[in-house]
Amino acid sequence: MRKVIVGILGIILMCGLALAANGMGEQASTTSPSSASEMAVGQQQDAPADQGATTTSQIQNRVKTGEYQVNGNRLMIQEKANNRIQLRVQNISADCDCNLTEEFDPVRNRTKLKITLSNGRNAEIKIMPDVASETALARLRLKNCDETKNCTIELKEVGQGNQTRAAYEVKARKTFKIFGLFKNQEQVQTQIDAETGEEIASKRPWWAWLASESEE
C-alpha cells in the first residue's frame, strides 16, 4: 500500500513539473516577439534623424575660399579677417559680413549661395557683384567704383521684419555743383536687391535738387 501511495505522489509531482515548464515556455515565446518589435520600432524612429543630419551636412556648408560656378558665373570667394567674406566676379568685388552658405541642387546640378537673415529666412544670392555694381552706378550716375571716389560695395542685410532682405549697398562720394557755382562733395548710396536685382532705396543730400551732377 505504501508503495502505491509513493508512486501516485511521484506521478503528481512529475505532472506539476511538466505543466510549470510548459507555462514558462509560453511566456517566453509571447514576450520575445513583443520585445523584438519594440526594439525594431525604436531603431526605425532613430534612423531618419541620423540620416537627415547626414544629408543636411552634405548639401549645405559655409562657403570657403575657392572658385564657384553660380548661375553660369565664375565667382571667386575669399575668406578675410573677422569672419568677413569677399565675393569677386572679374574685377568687381563685394565684401560681406554675413553667414553665407553654399547649397548644391542635385536636380539642376548647380550651386546656390544663401544668406541666413535675422528673421530666419534664407535669401538666395542670384545677382552677382558685377551686375549689382552696373545697376548701382547707373542709378548714381557714376562711371566706375574705385578708391578715388571712396566707393565701396557691400553685401548685407537691410530692412526689418518681413521686409528684411539681402542687398548690395553701394556708397560713393560725388561732386555736386550748387546753383551751378559752388562745388561740394557728398556721399551718395543705393541698395540693389541680391535676389531680384531691383533697386530698393537710394540716398542723396537733401539739397541735391538745387544742384547739378554729372557722370564721373
N, C-alpha and C. Protein backbone atom coordinates (compact mmCIF):
# COMPACT_ATOMS: atom_id res chain seq x y z
N MET A 1 0.82 -1.20 0.00
CA MET A 1 0.00 0.00 0.00
C MET A 1 0.85 1.25 0.00
N ARG A 2 1.93 1.23 0.81
CA ARG A 2 2.83 2.38 0.88
C ARG A 2 3.47 2.64 -0.46
N LYS A 3 3.84 1.62 -1.18
CA LYS A 3 4.47 1.78 -2.49
C LYS A 3 3.50 2.43 -3.49
N VAL A 4 2.23 2.07 -3.39
CA VAL A 4 1.23 2.64 -4.30
C VAL A 4 1.09 4.12 -4.06
N ILE A 5 1.07 4.50 -2.77
CA ILE A 5 0.92 5.93 -2.43
C ILE A 5 2.12 6.71 -2.92
N VAL A 6 3.31 6.16 -2.70
CA VAL A 6 4.54 6.83 -3.16
C VAL A 6 4.53 6.98 -4.67
N GLY A 7 4.07 5.93 -5.36
CA GLY A 7 4.02 6.01 -6.82
C GLY A 7 3.07 7.09 -7.31
N ILE A 8 1.90 7.20 -6.65
CA ILE A 8 0.90 8.23 -7.06
C ILE A 8 1.47 9.62 -6.84
N LEU A 9 2.13 9.81 -5.66
CA LEU A 9 2.73 11.13 -5.37
C LEU A 9 3.81 11.47 -6.40
N GLY A 10 4.58 10.50 -6.83
CA GLY A 10 5.63 10.74 -7.84
C GLY A 10 5.03 11.16 -9.17
N ILE A 11 3.91 10.50 -9.55
CA ILE A 11 3.26 10.86 -10.82
C ILE A 11 2.73 12.29 -10.77
N ILE A 12 2.11 12.65 -9.61
CA ILE A 12 1.57 14.01 -9.45
C ILE A 12 2.69 15.05 -9.53
N LEU A 13 3.81 14.76 -8.89
CA LEU A 13 4.96 15.69 -8.90
C LEU A 13 5.50 15.88 -10.31
N MET A 14 5.63 14.84 -11.08
CA MET A 14 6.11 14.91 -12.45
C MET A 14 5.18 15.72 -13.34
N CYS A 15 3.86 15.53 -13.15
CA CYS A 15 2.88 16.30 -13.94
C CYS A 15 2.97 17.79 -13.61
N GLY A 16 3.17 18.11 -12.31
CA GLY A 16 3.29 19.51 -11.91
C GLY A 16 4.51 20.16 -12.53
N LEU A 17 5.63 19.45 -12.54
CA LEU A 17 6.85 19.99 -13.15
C LEU A 17 6.68 20.20 -14.65
N ALA A 18 5.99 19.30 -15.30
CA ALA A 18 5.78 19.41 -16.75
C ALA A 18 4.91 20.61 -17.07
N LEU A 19 3.85 20.83 -16.28
CA LEU A 19 2.98 21.98 -16.51
C LEU A 19 3.70 23.30 -16.29
N ALA A 20 4.54 23.34 -15.25
CA ALA A 20 5.29 24.57 -14.95
C ALA A 20 6.26 24.90 -16.08
N ALA A 21 6.94 23.89 -16.60
CA ALA A 21 7.89 24.11 -17.69
C ALA A 21 7.18 24.60 -18.93
N ASN A 22 6.01 24.05 -19.22
CA ASN A 22 5.25 24.46 -20.40
C ASN A 22 4.78 25.91 -20.28
N GLY A 23 4.36 26.33 -19.06
CA GLY A 23 3.93 27.71 -18.85
C GLY A 23 5.06 28.68 -19.06
N MET A 24 6.27 28.37 -18.60
CA MET A 24 7.43 29.26 -18.81
C MET A 24 7.77 29.39 -20.27
N GLY A 25 7.64 28.31 -21.02
CA GLY A 25 7.94 28.34 -22.45
C GLY A 25 6.98 29.23 -23.20
N GLU A 26 5.67 29.18 -22.83
CA GLU A 26 4.69 30.01 -23.50
C GLU A 26 4.91 31.48 -23.19
N GLN A 27 5.32 31.77 -21.92
CA GLN A 27 5.56 33.17 -21.55
C GLN A 27 6.74 33.72 -22.31
N ALA A 28 7.77 32.91 -22.45
CA ALA A 28 8.95 33.36 -23.18
C ALA A 28 8.64 33.61 -24.63
N SER A 29 7.85 32.73 -25.27
CA SER A 29 7.53 32.89 -26.68
C SER A 29 6.60 34.07 -26.89
N THR A 30 5.76 34.41 -25.86
CA THR A 30 4.85 35.55 -26.00
C THR A 30 5.58 36.86 -25.83
N THR A 31 6.56 36.92 -24.93
CA THR A 31 7.26 38.16 -24.62
C THR A 31 8.30 38.50 -25.67
N SER A 32 8.97 37.51 -26.18
CA SER A 32 10.11 37.75 -27.08
C SER A 32 9.75 38.53 -28.33
N PRO A 33 8.70 38.16 -29.09
CA PRO A 33 8.36 38.93 -30.29
C PRO A 33 8.00 40.36 -29.97
N SER A 34 7.32 40.59 -28.82
CA SER A 34 6.94 41.96 -28.48
C SER A 34 8.18 42.81 -28.24
N SER A 35 9.15 42.25 -27.50
CA SER A 35 10.38 42.99 -27.23
C SER A 35 11.12 43.27 -28.52
N ALA A 36 11.17 42.27 -29.40
CA ALA A 36 11.85 42.47 -30.69
C ALA A 36 11.17 43.54 -31.51
N SER A 37 9.81 43.54 -31.46
CA SER A 37 9.07 44.54 -32.22
C SER A 37 9.34 45.93 -31.70
N GLU A 38 9.36 46.08 -30.34
CA GLU A 38 9.63 47.38 -29.75
C GLU A 38 11.02 47.87 -30.11
N MET A 39 12.00 46.97 -30.09
CA MET A 39 13.37 47.34 -30.47
C MET A 39 13.42 47.79 -31.93
N ALA A 40 12.68 47.09 -32.81
CA ALA A 40 12.69 47.45 -34.23
C ALA A 40 12.07 48.81 -34.44
N VAL A 41 10.95 49.09 -33.70
CA VAL A 41 10.32 50.39 -33.84
C VAL A 41 11.24 51.49 -33.38
N GLY A 42 11.96 51.25 -32.26
CA GLY A 42 12.90 52.24 -31.75
C GLY A 42 14.01 52.51 -32.75
N GLN A 43 14.51 51.48 -33.39
CA GLN A 43 15.55 51.66 -34.39
C GLN A 43 15.03 52.44 -35.58
N GLN A 44 13.78 52.18 -36.01
CA GLN A 44 13.21 52.89 -37.14
C GLN A 44 13.00 54.36 -36.82
N GLN A 45 12.65 54.66 -35.57
CA GLN A 45 12.44 56.05 -35.19
C GLN A 45 13.75 56.81 -35.13
N ASP A 46 14.83 56.17 -34.72
CA ASP A 46 16.13 56.84 -34.62
C ASP A 46 16.78 57.03 -35.97
N ALA A 47 16.55 56.12 -36.90
CA ALA A 47 17.27 56.14 -38.17
C ALA A 47 17.05 57.39 -39.00
N PRO A 48 15.81 57.87 -39.20
CA PRO A 48 15.61 59.03 -40.06
C PRO A 48 16.31 60.27 -39.57
N ALA A 49 16.37 60.46 -38.22
CA ALA A 49 17.02 61.67 -37.70
C ALA A 49 18.48 61.68 -38.05
N ASP A 50 19.16 60.54 -37.85
CA ASP A 50 20.59 60.47 -38.19
C ASP A 50 20.80 60.65 -39.68
N GLN A 51 19.94 60.01 -40.46
CA GLN A 51 20.06 60.11 -41.91
C GLN A 51 19.84 61.52 -42.39
N GLY A 52 18.85 62.22 -41.80
CA GLY A 52 18.57 63.60 -42.17
C GLY A 52 19.74 64.51 -41.86
N ALA A 53 20.38 64.31 -40.69
CA ALA A 53 21.51 65.15 -40.31
C ALA A 53 22.66 64.97 -41.29
N THR A 54 22.89 63.73 -41.72
CA THR A 54 23.97 63.48 -42.66
C THR A 54 23.70 64.14 -43.99
N THR A 55 22.46 64.05 -44.46
CA THR A 55 22.12 64.66 -45.75
C THR A 55 22.30 66.16 -45.71
N THR A 56 21.87 66.79 -44.60
CA THR A 56 21.99 68.25 -44.49
C THR A 56 23.44 68.67 -44.52
N SER A 57 24.30 67.96 -43.80
CA SER A 57 25.71 68.34 -43.76
C SER A 57 26.37 68.15 -45.11
N GLN A 58 25.86 67.24 -45.91
CA GLN A 58 26.43 67.02 -47.23
C GLN A 58 25.98 68.09 -48.22
N ILE A 59 24.79 68.65 -48.04
CA ILE A 59 24.23 69.59 -49.01
C ILE A 59 24.63 71.02 -48.70
N GLN A 60 24.56 71.42 -47.43
CA GLN A 60 24.75 72.83 -47.09
C GLN A 60 25.94 73.02 -46.18
N ASN A 61 26.85 73.90 -46.57
CA ASN A 61 28.05 74.19 -45.79
C ASN A 61 28.39 75.67 -45.92
N ARG A 62 29.10 76.19 -44.94
CA ARG A 62 29.54 77.58 -45.01
C ARG A 62 30.60 77.68 -46.11
N VAL A 63 30.51 78.75 -46.90
CA VAL A 63 31.43 78.88 -48.02
C VAL A 63 32.85 79.09 -47.53
N LYS A 64 33.80 78.64 -48.32
CA LYS A 64 35.21 78.80 -48.01
C LYS A 64 35.92 79.39 -49.22
N THR A 65 37.17 79.76 -49.03
CA THR A 65 37.95 80.33 -50.12
C THR A 65 38.00 79.34 -51.29
N GLY A 66 37.69 79.83 -52.48
CA GLY A 66 37.72 78.97 -53.65
C GLY A 66 36.92 79.55 -54.80
N GLU A 67 36.80 78.76 -55.86
CA GLU A 67 36.07 79.17 -57.06
C GLU A 67 34.74 78.43 -57.12
N TYR A 68 33.67 79.15 -57.45
CA TYR A 68 32.33 78.57 -57.51
C TYR A 68 31.67 78.94 -58.84
N GLN A 69 30.86 78.03 -59.36
CA GLN A 69 30.05 78.30 -60.53
C GLN A 69 28.62 78.57 -60.07
N VAL A 70 28.20 79.83 -60.16
CA VAL A 70 26.89 80.23 -59.67
C VAL A 70 26.14 80.93 -60.80
N ASN A 71 25.02 80.35 -61.19
CA ASN A 71 24.19 80.92 -62.27
C ASN A 71 25.01 81.21 -63.54
N GLY A 72 25.91 80.30 -63.85
CA GLY A 72 26.72 80.45 -65.06
C GLY A 72 27.86 81.42 -64.92
N ASN A 73 28.12 81.92 -63.71
CA ASN A 73 29.20 82.86 -63.48
C ASN A 73 30.33 82.21 -62.69
N ARG A 74 31.54 82.63 -63.02
CA ARG A 74 32.70 82.17 -62.27
C ARG A 74 32.92 83.12 -61.09
N LEU A 75 32.60 82.67 -59.90
CA LEU A 75 32.65 83.50 -58.70
C LEU A 75 33.82 83.07 -57.83
N MET A 76 34.67 84.03 -57.48
CA MET A 76 35.79 83.77 -56.59
C MET A 76 35.41 84.26 -55.19
N ILE A 77 35.61 83.40 -54.19
CA ILE A 77 35.31 83.75 -52.81
C ILE A 77 36.59 83.66 -51.98
N GLN A 78 36.81 84.67 -51.18
CA GLN A 78 37.99 84.70 -50.32
C GLN A 78 37.57 85.03 -48.89
N GLU A 79 38.00 84.18 -47.95
CA GLU A 79 37.73 84.44 -46.54
C GLU A 79 38.71 85.49 -46.04
N LYS A 80 38.18 86.45 -45.27
CA LYS A 80 39.00 87.53 -44.75
C LYS A 80 38.92 87.53 -43.23
N ALA A 81 39.61 88.49 -42.61
CA ALA A 81 39.64 88.56 -41.15
C ALA A 81 38.26 88.91 -40.60
N ASN A 82 38.06 88.56 -39.32
CA ASN A 82 36.81 88.87 -38.61
C ASN A 82 35.58 88.26 -39.28
N ASN A 83 35.77 87.05 -39.84
CA ASN A 83 34.67 86.29 -40.47
C ASN A 83 34.05 87.00 -41.67
N ARG A 84 34.75 87.94 -42.26
CA ARG A 84 34.25 88.61 -43.46
C ARG A 84 34.59 87.78 -44.70
N ILE A 85 33.79 87.95 -45.73
CA ILE A 85 33.96 87.20 -46.98
C ILE A 85 33.96 88.19 -48.14
N GLN A 86 34.79 87.93 -49.13
CA GLN A 86 34.80 88.77 -50.32
C GLN A 86 34.35 87.94 -51.52
N LEU A 87 33.37 88.47 -52.27
CA LEU A 87 32.89 87.84 -53.49
C LEU A 87 33.41 88.65 -54.67
N ARG A 88 33.97 87.96 -55.66
CA ARG A 88 34.54 88.67 -56.80
C ARG A 88 34.16 88.00 -58.11
N VAL A 89 33.67 88.81 -59.04
CA VAL A 89 33.42 88.36 -60.41
C VAL A 89 34.20 89.30 -61.31
N GLN A 90 35.16 88.72 -62.05
CA GLN A 90 36.09 89.51 -62.85
C GLN A 90 36.81 90.50 -61.94
N ASN A 91 36.67 91.80 -62.15
CA ASN A 91 37.38 92.78 -61.31
C ASN A 91 36.45 93.52 -60.36
N ILE A 92 35.23 93.02 -60.19
CA ILE A 92 34.25 93.66 -59.30
C ILE A 92 34.09 92.77 -58.06
N SER A 93 34.26 93.38 -56.89
CA SER A 93 34.17 92.61 -55.65
C SER A 93 33.21 93.27 -54.67
N ALA A 94 32.69 92.46 -53.76
CA ALA A 94 31.80 92.94 -52.71
C ALA A 94 32.14 92.21 -51.42
N ASP A 95 32.27 92.95 -50.33
CA ASP A 95 32.55 92.35 -49.04
C ASP A 95 31.24 91.99 -48.35
N CYS A 96 31.32 91.00 -47.48
CA CYS A 96 30.11 90.54 -46.80
C CYS A 96 30.46 90.07 -45.39
N ASP A 97 29.84 90.71 -44.40
CA ASP A 97 29.95 90.27 -43.01
C ASP A 97 28.66 89.53 -42.67
N CYS A 98 28.57 88.30 -43.16
CA CYS A 98 27.30 87.58 -43.07
C CYS A 98 27.54 86.08 -43.00
N ASN A 99 26.48 85.36 -42.69
CA ASN A 99 26.51 83.90 -42.68
C ASN A 99 26.15 83.39 -44.07
N LEU A 100 27.16 83.21 -44.90
CA LEU A 100 26.96 82.81 -46.29
C LEU A 100 27.24 81.33 -46.44
N THR A 101 26.28 80.60 -46.97
CA THR A 101 26.43 79.15 -47.14
C THR A 101 26.23 78.76 -48.59
N GLU A 102 26.78 77.62 -48.95
CA GLU A 102 26.57 77.06 -50.28
C GLU A 102 25.67 75.85 -50.18
N GLU A 103 24.79 75.70 -51.15
CA GLU A 103 23.86 74.57 -51.17
C GLU A 103 23.81 74.00 -52.58
N PHE A 104 24.10 72.72 -52.69
CA PHE A 104 24.10 72.07 -54.00
C PHE A 104 22.72 71.56 -54.34
N ASP A 105 22.23 71.93 -55.51
CA ASP A 105 20.93 71.49 -56.01
C ASP A 105 21.16 70.31 -56.96
N PRO A 106 20.91 69.07 -56.50
CA PRO A 106 21.17 67.91 -57.35
C PRO A 106 20.25 67.81 -58.56
N VAL A 107 19.06 68.42 -58.45
CA VAL A 107 18.10 68.36 -59.56
C VAL A 107 18.61 69.17 -60.74
N ARG A 108 19.04 70.41 -60.47
CA ARG A 108 19.54 71.28 -61.54
C ARG A 108 21.07 71.23 -61.68
N ASN A 109 21.70 70.46 -60.81
CA ASN A 109 23.15 70.30 -60.87
C ASN A 109 23.86 71.66 -60.83
N ARG A 110 23.52 72.47 -59.82
CA ARG A 110 24.15 73.77 -59.68
C ARG A 110 24.27 74.15 -58.21
N THR A 111 25.12 75.12 -57.94
CA THR A 111 25.35 75.58 -56.58
C THR A 111 24.56 76.85 -56.30
N LYS A 112 23.93 76.90 -55.14
CA LYS A 112 23.23 78.10 -54.70
C LYS A 112 23.98 78.71 -53.52
N LEU A 113 24.05 80.03 -53.49
CA LEU A 113 24.60 80.74 -52.35
C LEU A 113 23.45 81.36 -51.58
N LYS A 114 23.44 81.19 -50.26
CA LYS A 114 22.35 81.72 -49.45
C LYS A 114 22.89 82.43 -48.22
N ILE A 115 22.14 83.46 -47.80
CA ILE A 115 22.43 84.19 -46.57
C ILE A 115 21.29 83.94 -45.59
N THR A 116 21.65 83.56 -44.37
CA THR A 116 20.65 83.41 -43.33
C THR A 116 20.38 84.78 -42.70
N LEU A 117 19.15 85.26 -42.85
CA LEU A 117 18.79 86.58 -42.35
C LEU A 117 18.33 86.51 -40.90
N SER A 118 18.23 87.66 -40.25
CA SER A 118 17.87 87.71 -38.84
C SER A 118 16.44 87.24 -38.58
N ASN A 119 15.57 87.28 -39.60
CA ASN A 119 14.19 86.81 -39.43
C ASN A 119 14.05 85.32 -39.73
N GLY A 120 15.19 84.64 -39.95
CA GLY A 120 15.17 83.19 -40.16
C GLY A 120 15.08 82.76 -41.61
N ARG A 121 14.81 83.70 -42.51
CA ARG A 121 14.68 83.35 -43.93
C ARG A 121 16.06 83.21 -44.58
N ASN A 122 16.17 82.26 -45.50
CA ASN A 122 17.39 82.09 -46.28
C ASN A 122 17.22 82.76 -47.63
N ALA A 123 17.97 83.83 -47.85
CA ALA A 123 17.88 84.57 -49.12
C ALA A 123 18.94 84.06 -50.08
N GLU A 124 18.51 83.69 -51.29
CA GLU A 124 19.45 83.20 -52.29
C GLU A 124 20.10 84.37 -53.02
N ILE A 125 21.42 84.30 -53.18
CA ILE A 125 22.16 85.35 -53.89
C ILE A 125 22.15 85.00 -55.37
N LYS A 126 21.17 85.55 -56.09
CA LYS A 126 21.03 85.28 -57.52
C LYS A 126 21.77 86.32 -58.36
N ILE A 127 21.94 87.52 -57.83
CA ILE A 127 22.60 88.61 -58.55
C ILE A 127 24.06 88.66 -58.13
N MET A 128 24.96 88.67 -59.10
CA MET A 128 26.39 88.69 -58.82
C MET A 128 26.89 90.14 -58.64
N PRO A 129 28.03 90.33 -57.99
CA PRO A 129 28.54 91.68 -57.72
C PRO A 129 28.68 92.56 -58.95
N ASP A 130 29.09 92.00 -60.10
CA ASP A 130 29.29 92.82 -61.29
C ASP A 130 27.96 93.39 -61.81
N VAL A 131 26.90 92.58 -61.77
CA VAL A 131 25.58 93.04 -62.22
C VAL A 131 25.04 94.09 -61.27
N ALA A 132 25.17 93.84 -59.97
CA ALA A 132 24.69 94.81 -58.97
C ALA A 132 25.45 96.12 -59.09
N SER A 133 26.75 96.05 -59.33
CA SER A 133 27.57 97.26 -59.47
C SER A 133 27.14 98.07 -60.69
N GLU A 134 26.88 97.39 -61.79
CA GLU A 134 26.46 98.08 -63.01
C GLU A 134 25.14 98.84 -62.80
N THR A 135 24.20 98.18 -62.14
CA THR A 135 22.91 98.82 -61.87
C THR A 135 23.07 100.01 -60.93
N ALA A 136 23.88 99.83 -59.87
CA ALA A 136 24.07 100.89 -58.89
C ALA A 136 24.76 102.10 -59.50
N LEU A 137 25.78 101.88 -60.32
CA LEU A 137 26.50 103.00 -60.94
C LEU A 137 25.59 103.79 -61.87
N ALA A 138 24.71 103.10 -62.56
CA ALA A 138 23.76 103.80 -63.43
C ALA A 138 22.82 104.68 -62.60
N ARG A 139 22.36 104.17 -61.46
CA ARG A 139 21.47 104.95 -60.60
C ARG A 139 22.20 106.15 -60.00
N LEU A 140 23.47 105.98 -59.66
CA LEU A 140 24.23 107.07 -59.02
C LEU A 140 24.93 107.97 -60.03
N ARG A 141 24.81 107.62 -61.30
CA ARG A 141 25.44 108.38 -62.39
C ARG A 141 26.97 108.45 -62.19
N LEU A 142 27.53 107.27 -61.99
CA LEU A 142 28.98 107.12 -61.86
C LEU A 142 29.47 106.17 -62.94
N LYS A 143 30.67 106.42 -63.44
CA LYS A 143 31.22 105.57 -64.48
C LYS A 143 31.89 104.33 -63.91
N ASN A 144 32.46 104.46 -62.74
CA ASN A 144 33.12 103.32 -62.11
C ASN A 144 33.12 103.50 -60.60
N CYS A 145 33.47 102.42 -59.92
CA CYS A 145 33.52 102.43 -58.46
C CYS A 145 34.95 102.12 -58.04
N ASP A 146 35.69 103.14 -57.58
CA ASP A 146 37.07 102.93 -57.19
C ASP A 146 37.41 103.75 -55.95
N GLU A 147 38.66 103.63 -55.51
CA GLU A 147 39.09 104.28 -54.26
C GLU A 147 39.08 105.80 -54.37
N THR A 148 39.26 106.36 -55.56
CA THR A 148 39.29 107.82 -55.70
C THR A 148 37.95 108.44 -55.31
N LYS A 149 36.90 107.67 -55.40
CA LYS A 149 35.57 108.15 -55.03
C LYS A 149 35.12 107.56 -53.69
N ASN A 150 36.08 106.92 -52.99
CA ASN A 150 35.73 106.25 -51.74
C ASN A 150 34.54 105.32 -51.93
N CYS A 151 34.52 104.67 -53.07
CA CYS A 151 33.39 103.82 -53.43
C CYS A 151 33.55 102.42 -52.85
N THR A 152 32.51 101.91 -52.23
CA THR A 152 32.52 100.56 -51.65
C THR A 152 31.26 99.81 -52.05
N ILE A 153 31.40 98.48 -52.15
CA ILE A 153 30.25 97.61 -52.43
C ILE A 153 30.20 96.56 -51.34
N GLU A 154 29.08 96.48 -50.67
CA GLU A 154 28.94 95.53 -49.56
C GLU A 154 27.64 94.75 -49.70
N LEU A 155 27.74 93.43 -49.53
CA LEU A 155 26.56 92.57 -49.49
C LEU A 155 26.13 92.46 -48.04
N LYS A 156 24.91 92.88 -47.72
CA LYS A 156 24.49 92.94 -46.33
C LYS A 156 22.99 92.74 -46.19
N GLU A 157 22.55 92.65 -44.95
CA GLU A 157 21.12 92.56 -44.65
C GLU A 157 20.57 93.96 -44.48
N VAL A 158 19.43 94.21 -45.12
CA VAL A 158 18.77 95.52 -44.98
C VAL A 158 17.29 95.29 -44.69
N GLY A 159 16.64 96.31 -44.15
CA GLY A 159 15.22 96.20 -43.85
C GLY A 159 14.96 95.57 -42.50
N GLN A 160 13.68 95.47 -42.14
CA GLN A 160 13.26 94.92 -40.86
C GLN A 160 12.06 94.00 -41.04
N GLY A 161 11.93 93.04 -40.11
CA GLY A 161 10.78 92.15 -40.11
C GLY A 161 10.61 91.40 -41.41
N ASN A 162 9.40 91.42 -41.94
CA ASN A 162 9.11 90.72 -43.19
C ASN A 162 9.77 91.38 -44.40
N GLN A 163 10.22 92.63 -44.21
CA GLN A 163 10.88 93.35 -45.30
C GLN A 163 12.39 93.14 -45.32
N THR A 164 12.90 92.30 -44.41
CA THR A 164 14.33 92.03 -44.37
C THR A 164 14.77 91.29 -45.62
N ARG A 165 15.87 91.71 -46.21
CA ARG A 165 16.37 91.07 -47.43
C ARG A 165 17.87 91.26 -47.54
N ALA A 166 18.48 90.51 -48.44
CA ALA A 166 19.91 90.65 -48.72
C ALA A 166 20.07 91.62 -49.89
N ALA A 167 21.00 92.55 -49.76
CA ALA A 167 21.17 93.57 -50.80
C ALA A 167 22.62 94.00 -50.91
N TYR A 168 22.98 94.47 -52.10
CA TYR A 168 24.28 95.09 -52.31
C TYR A 168 24.10 96.59 -52.02
N GLU A 169 24.88 97.09 -51.10
CA GLU A 169 24.84 98.52 -50.78
C GLU A 169 26.09 99.18 -51.36
N VAL A 170 25.89 100.13 -52.25
CA VAL A 170 26.99 100.83 -52.91
C VAL A 170 27.03 102.26 -52.40
N LYS A 171 28.18 102.66 -51.87
CA LYS A 171 28.38 104.02 -51.36
C LYS A 171 29.54 104.68 -52.10
N ALA A 172 29.42 105.97 -52.33
CA ALA A 172 30.50 106.71 -53.00
C ALA A 172 30.37 108.19 -52.67
N ARG A 173 31.46 108.93 -52.84
CA ARG A 173 31.43 110.38 -52.69
C ARG A 173 31.38 111.00 -54.09
N LYS A 174 30.47 111.97 -54.23
CA LYS A 174 30.25 112.55 -55.56
C LYS A 174 30.24 114.07 -55.46
N THR A 175 30.70 114.70 -56.53
CA THR A 175 30.77 116.16 -56.59
C THR A 175 29.47 116.74 -57.13
N PHE A 176 28.89 117.67 -56.38
CA PHE A 176 27.70 118.40 -56.79
C PHE A 176 28.07 119.87 -57.00
N LYS A 177 27.40 120.52 -57.91
CA LYS A 177 27.60 121.96 -58.12
C LYS A 177 26.28 122.66 -57.79
N ILE A 178 26.31 123.35 -56.65
CA ILE A 178 25.11 124.01 -56.16
C ILE A 178 24.90 125.34 -56.89
N PHE A 179 23.71 125.54 -57.40
CA PHE A 179 23.35 126.73 -58.17
C PHE A 179 24.29 126.93 -59.36
N GLY A 180 24.99 125.87 -59.76
CA GLY A 180 25.92 125.98 -60.87
C GLY A 180 27.19 126.73 -60.54
N LEU A 181 27.40 127.05 -59.24
CA LEU A 181 28.56 127.86 -58.84
C LEU A 181 29.46 127.16 -57.82
N PHE A 182 28.87 126.63 -56.78
CA PHE A 182 29.67 126.11 -55.67
C PHE A 182 29.74 124.58 -55.74
N LYS A 183 30.96 124.06 -55.67
CA LYS A 183 31.17 122.63 -55.69
C LYS A 183 31.18 122.06 -54.27
N ASN A 184 30.58 120.92 -54.13
CA ASN A 184 30.55 120.26 -52.83
C ASN A 184 30.51 118.75 -53.03
N GLN A 185 31.26 118.04 -52.20
CA GLN A 185 31.28 116.59 -52.28
C GLN A 185 30.44 116.00 -51.15
N GLU A 186 29.55 115.10 -51.52
CA GLU A 186 28.70 114.44 -50.52
C GLU A 186 28.61 112.95 -50.85
N GLN A 187 28.24 112.18 -49.83
CA GLN A 187 28.09 110.73 -50.03
C GLN A 187 26.72 110.42 -50.64
N VAL A 188 26.73 109.53 -51.60
CA VAL A 188 25.51 109.01 -52.19
C VAL A 188 25.53 107.49 -52.03
N GLN A 189 24.36 106.89 -52.02
CA GLN A 189 24.33 105.43 -51.88
C GLN A 189 23.04 104.87 -52.47
N THR A 190 23.09 103.59 -52.79
CA THR A 190 21.91 102.89 -53.28
C THR A 190 22.00 101.44 -52.85
N GLN A 191 20.87 100.77 -52.81
CA GLN A 191 20.81 99.36 -52.42
C GLN A 191 20.13 98.56 -53.53
N ILE A 192 20.79 97.47 -53.93
CA ILE A 192 20.29 96.61 -55.00
C ILE A 192 19.94 95.24 -54.42
N ASP A 193 18.71 94.81 -54.62
CA ASP A 193 18.25 93.52 -54.10
C ASP A 193 19.10 92.39 -54.69
N ALA A 194 19.67 91.54 -53.82
CA ALA A 194 20.55 90.46 -54.27
C ALA A 194 19.78 89.30 -54.87
N GLU A 195 18.45 89.27 -54.72
CA GLU A 195 17.65 88.19 -55.30
C GLU A 195 17.01 88.59 -56.62
N THR A 196 16.60 89.87 -56.72
CA THR A 196 15.86 90.31 -57.92
C THR A 196 16.65 91.27 -58.80
N GLY A 197 17.66 91.96 -58.24
CA GLY A 197 18.42 92.94 -59.00
C GLY A 197 17.75 94.31 -59.06
N GLU A 198 16.64 94.48 -58.36
CA GLU A 198 15.93 95.75 -58.37
C GLU A 198 16.51 96.71 -57.31
N GLU A 199 16.38 98.00 -57.59
CA GLU A 199 16.82 98.99 -56.62
C GLU A 199 15.81 99.06 -55.46
N ILE A 200 16.33 98.99 -54.25
CA ILE A 200 15.46 99.05 -53.07
C ILE A 200 15.30 100.48 -52.60
N ALA A 201 16.42 101.18 -52.46
CA ALA A 201 16.38 102.56 -51.98
C ALA A 201 17.67 103.26 -52.39
N SER A 202 17.61 104.58 -52.47
CA SER A 202 18.80 105.38 -52.78
C SER A 202 18.82 106.60 -51.86
N LYS A 203 20.00 107.19 -51.70
CA LYS A 203 20.14 108.31 -50.78
C LYS A 203 21.08 109.35 -51.38
N ARG A 204 20.61 110.58 -51.41
CA ARG A 204 21.39 111.73 -51.84
C ARG A 204 21.20 112.85 -50.82
N PRO A 205 22.05 113.87 -50.84
CA PRO A 205 21.84 115.00 -49.92
C PRO A 205 20.49 115.67 -50.19
N TRP A 206 19.87 116.22 -49.14
CA TRP A 206 18.53 116.77 -49.27
C TRP A 206 18.47 117.94 -50.25
N TRP A 207 19.61 118.62 -50.42
CA TRP A 207 19.63 119.79 -51.31
C TRP A 207 20.02 119.42 -52.74
N ALA A 208 20.05 118.12 -53.05
CA ALA A 208 20.50 117.68 -54.37
C ALA A 208 19.65 118.27 -55.49
N TRP A 209 18.38 118.56 -55.19
CA TRP A 209 17.51 119.12 -56.24
C TRP A 209 17.91 120.55 -56.61
N LEU A 210 18.73 121.18 -55.75
CA LEU A 210 19.22 122.52 -56.05
C LEU A 210 20.53 122.49 -56.81
N ALA A 211 21.11 121.29 -56.93
CA ALA A 211 22.44 121.17 -57.53
C ALA A 211 22.39 120.36 -58.82
N SER A 212 23.45 120.49 -59.56
CA SER A 212 23.61 119.70 -60.78
C SER A 212 24.67 118.65 -60.53
N GLU A 213 24.53 117.53 -61.20
CA GLU A 213 25.53 116.46 -61.07
C GLU A 213 25.75 115.84 -62.44
N SER A 214 26.96 115.43 -62.67
CA SER A 214 27.30 114.83 -63.96
C SER A 214 27.92 113.46 -63.71
N GLU A 215 27.96 112.67 -64.74
CA GLU A 215 28.58 111.34 -64.62
C GLU A 215 30.08 111.52 -64.41
N GLU A 216 30.63 110.84 -63.43
CA GLU A 216 32.04 110.94 -63.10
C GLU A 216 32.75 109.64 -63.36
